[in-house]
């Protein structure tokens, strides 16, 4: 009974890690797109240099 529970726990952990990694890839892609858009708008605006405050 205990080995079956350990295998099921391992499957749940691997499934959760795979789901979390997939979500993190999408978040990283969104951040990259926002950064690139900000870089392009900064160059087009010709303002004070930074498009963000921090």
N, C-alpha and C. Protein backbone atom coordinates (compact mmCIF):
# COMPACT_ATOMS: atom_id res chain seq x y z
N UNK A 1 0.81 -1.20 0.00
CA UNK A 1 0.00 0.00 0.00
C UNK A 1 0.86 1.27 0.00
N UNK A 2 1.93 1.26 0.78
CA UNK A 2 2.80 2.43 0.87
C UNK A 2 3.52 2.69 -0.47
N UNK A 3 4.05 1.67 -1.17
CA UNK A 3 4.70 1.96 -2.46
C UNK A 3 3.73 2.56 -3.48
N UNK A 4 2.48 2.14 -3.47
CA UNK A 4 1.51 2.70 -4.40
C UNK A 4 1.28 4.18 -4.10
N UNK A 5 1.18 4.51 -2.82
CA UNK A 5 1.01 5.91 -2.44
C UNK A 5 2.23 6.75 -2.81
N UNK A 6 3.42 6.18 -2.65
CA UNK A 6 4.63 6.91 -3.03
C UNK A 6 4.69 7.16 -4.53
N UNK A 7 4.30 6.17 -5.32
CA UNK A 7 4.30 6.34 -6.78
C UNK A 7 3.27 7.39 -7.18
N UNK A 8 2.08 7.35 -6.57
CA UNK A 8 1.07 8.35 -6.88
C UNK A 8 1.52 9.75 -6.47
N UNK A 9 2.21 9.86 -5.35
CA UNK A 9 2.74 11.14 -4.92
C UNK A 9 3.80 11.65 -5.90
N UNK A 10 4.65 10.76 -6.38
CA UNK A 10 5.66 11.13 -7.36
C UNK A 10 5.02 11.60 -8.66
N UNK A 11 3.98 10.91 -9.10
CA UNK A 11 3.28 11.31 -10.32
C UNK A 11 2.67 12.69 -10.15
N UNK A 12 2.05 12.94 -9.00
CA UNK A 12 1.45 14.26 -8.76
C UNK A 12 2.50 15.36 -8.73
N UNK A 13 3.65 15.08 -8.11
CA UNK A 13 4.72 16.08 -8.07
C UNK A 13 5.26 16.38 -9.47
N UNK A 14 5.46 15.34 -10.27
CA UNK A 14 5.97 15.56 -11.63
C UNK A 14 4.95 16.29 -12.49
N UNK A 15 3.68 15.94 -12.34
CA UNK A 15 2.64 16.63 -13.10
C UNK A 15 2.57 18.10 -12.70
N UNK A 16 2.63 18.38 -11.40
CA UNK A 16 2.60 19.76 -10.93
C UNK A 16 3.81 20.56 -11.40
N UNK A 17 4.98 19.94 -11.38
CA UNK A 17 6.19 20.63 -11.84
C UNK A 17 6.12 20.92 -13.33
N UNK A 18 5.62 19.98 -14.10
CA UNK A 18 5.48 20.20 -15.54
C UNK A 18 4.51 21.31 -15.85
N UNK A 19 3.40 21.36 -15.14
CA UNK A 19 2.41 22.42 -15.33
C UNK A 19 3.00 23.77 -14.94
N UNK A 20 3.72 23.82 -13.81
CA UNK A 20 4.31 25.08 -13.35
C UNK A 20 5.38 25.56 -14.33
N UNK A 21 6.18 24.65 -14.87
CA UNK A 21 7.22 25.06 -15.81
C UNK A 21 6.61 25.60 -17.10
N UNK A 22 5.51 24.98 -17.54
CA UNK A 22 4.86 25.48 -18.75
C UNK A 22 4.32 26.88 -18.52
N UNK A 23 3.72 27.12 -17.36
CA UNK A 23 3.21 28.45 -17.04
C UNK A 23 4.36 29.46 -16.97
N UNK A 24 5.49 29.05 -16.38
CA UNK A 24 6.63 29.96 -16.28
C UNK A 24 7.19 30.33 -17.65
N UNK A 25 7.17 29.40 -18.60
CA UNK A 25 7.62 29.71 -19.96
C UNK A 25 6.72 30.78 -20.58
N UNK A 26 5.41 30.67 -20.38
CA UNK A 26 4.48 31.67 -20.94
C UNK A 26 4.70 33.03 -20.27
N UNK A 27 4.93 33.04 -18.96
CA UNK A 27 5.19 34.29 -18.25
C UNK A 27 6.48 34.93 -18.76
N UNK A 28 7.52 34.12 -18.95
CA UNK A 28 8.79 34.65 -19.45
C UNK A 28 8.63 35.22 -20.86
N UNK A 29 7.83 34.57 -21.68
CA UNK A 29 7.58 35.07 -23.04
C UNK A 29 6.84 36.40 -23.00
N UNK A 30 5.86 36.52 -22.12
CA UNK A 30 5.11 37.77 -22.00
C UNK A 30 6.01 38.90 -21.52
N UNK A 31 6.88 38.62 -20.55
CA UNK A 31 7.81 39.65 -20.06
C UNK A 31 8.78 40.07 -21.15
N UNK A 32 9.25 39.14 -21.94
CA UNK A 32 10.15 39.47 -23.04
C UNK A 32 9.47 40.37 -24.06
N UNK A 33 8.22 40.07 -24.39
CA UNK A 33 7.49 40.89 -25.36
C UNK A 33 7.27 42.30 -24.82
N UNK A 34 6.91 42.40 -23.53
CA UNK A 34 6.70 43.72 -22.93
C UNK A 34 8.00 44.51 -22.90
N UNK A 35 9.11 43.83 -22.60
CA UNK A 35 10.40 44.51 -22.57
C UNK A 35 10.78 45.01 -23.96
N UNK A 36 10.57 44.18 -24.98
CA UNK A 36 10.90 44.59 -26.34
C UNK A 36 10.03 45.75 -26.80
N UNK A 37 8.74 45.72 -26.47
CA UNK A 37 7.86 46.83 -26.84
C UNK A 37 8.30 48.12 -26.15
N UNK A 38 8.66 48.02 -24.88
CA UNK A 38 9.14 49.20 -24.17
C UNK A 38 10.44 49.73 -24.76
N UNK A 39 11.30 48.83 -25.18
CA UNK A 39 12.56 49.25 -25.81
C UNK A 39 12.29 49.99 -27.12
N UNK A 40 11.35 49.48 -27.91
CA UNK A 40 11.02 50.11 -29.19
C UNK A 40 10.33 51.46 -28.98
N UNK A 41 9.39 51.53 -28.03
CA UNK A 41 8.69 52.79 -27.80
C UNK A 41 9.62 53.83 -27.20
N UNK A 42 10.60 53.40 -26.43
CA UNK A 42 11.56 54.34 -25.87
C UNK A 42 12.36 55.00 -26.99
N UNK A 43 12.77 54.18 -27.96
CA UNK A 43 13.54 54.72 -29.08
C UNK A 43 12.71 55.64 -29.94
N UNK A 44 11.44 55.33 -30.12
CA UNK A 44 10.58 56.16 -30.97
C UNK A 44 10.18 57.45 -30.27
N UNK A 45 10.01 57.40 -28.96
CA UNK A 45 9.57 58.58 -28.22
C UNK A 45 10.66 59.64 -28.09
N UNK A 46 11.88 59.22 -27.93
CA UNK A 46 12.98 60.16 -27.79
C UNK A 46 12.90 60.98 -26.51
N UNK A 47 12.28 60.43 -25.49
CA UNK A 47 12.09 61.16 -24.23
C UNK A 47 13.36 61.20 -23.41
N UNK A 48 13.20 61.00 -22.13
CA UNK A 48 14.33 61.10 -21.22
C UNK A 48 15.15 59.83 -21.16
N UNK A 49 14.82 58.83 -21.93
CA UNK A 49 15.67 57.64 -21.99
C UNK A 49 15.01 56.40 -21.44
N UNK A 50 14.35 56.49 -20.30
CA UNK A 50 13.76 55.30 -19.70
C UNK A 50 12.25 55.33 -19.84
N UNK A 51 11.69 54.20 -20.14
CA UNK A 51 10.24 54.10 -20.27
C UNK A 51 9.59 53.58 -19.00
N UNK A 52 10.42 53.26 -18.00
CA UNK A 52 9.91 52.79 -16.72
C UNK A 52 10.50 53.68 -15.63
N UNK A 53 9.90 53.64 -14.46
CA UNK A 53 10.32 54.55 -13.39
C UNK A 53 11.35 53.94 -12.46
N UNK A 54 11.51 52.61 -12.42
CA UNK A 54 12.43 52.01 -11.47
C UNK A 54 13.66 51.71 -12.20
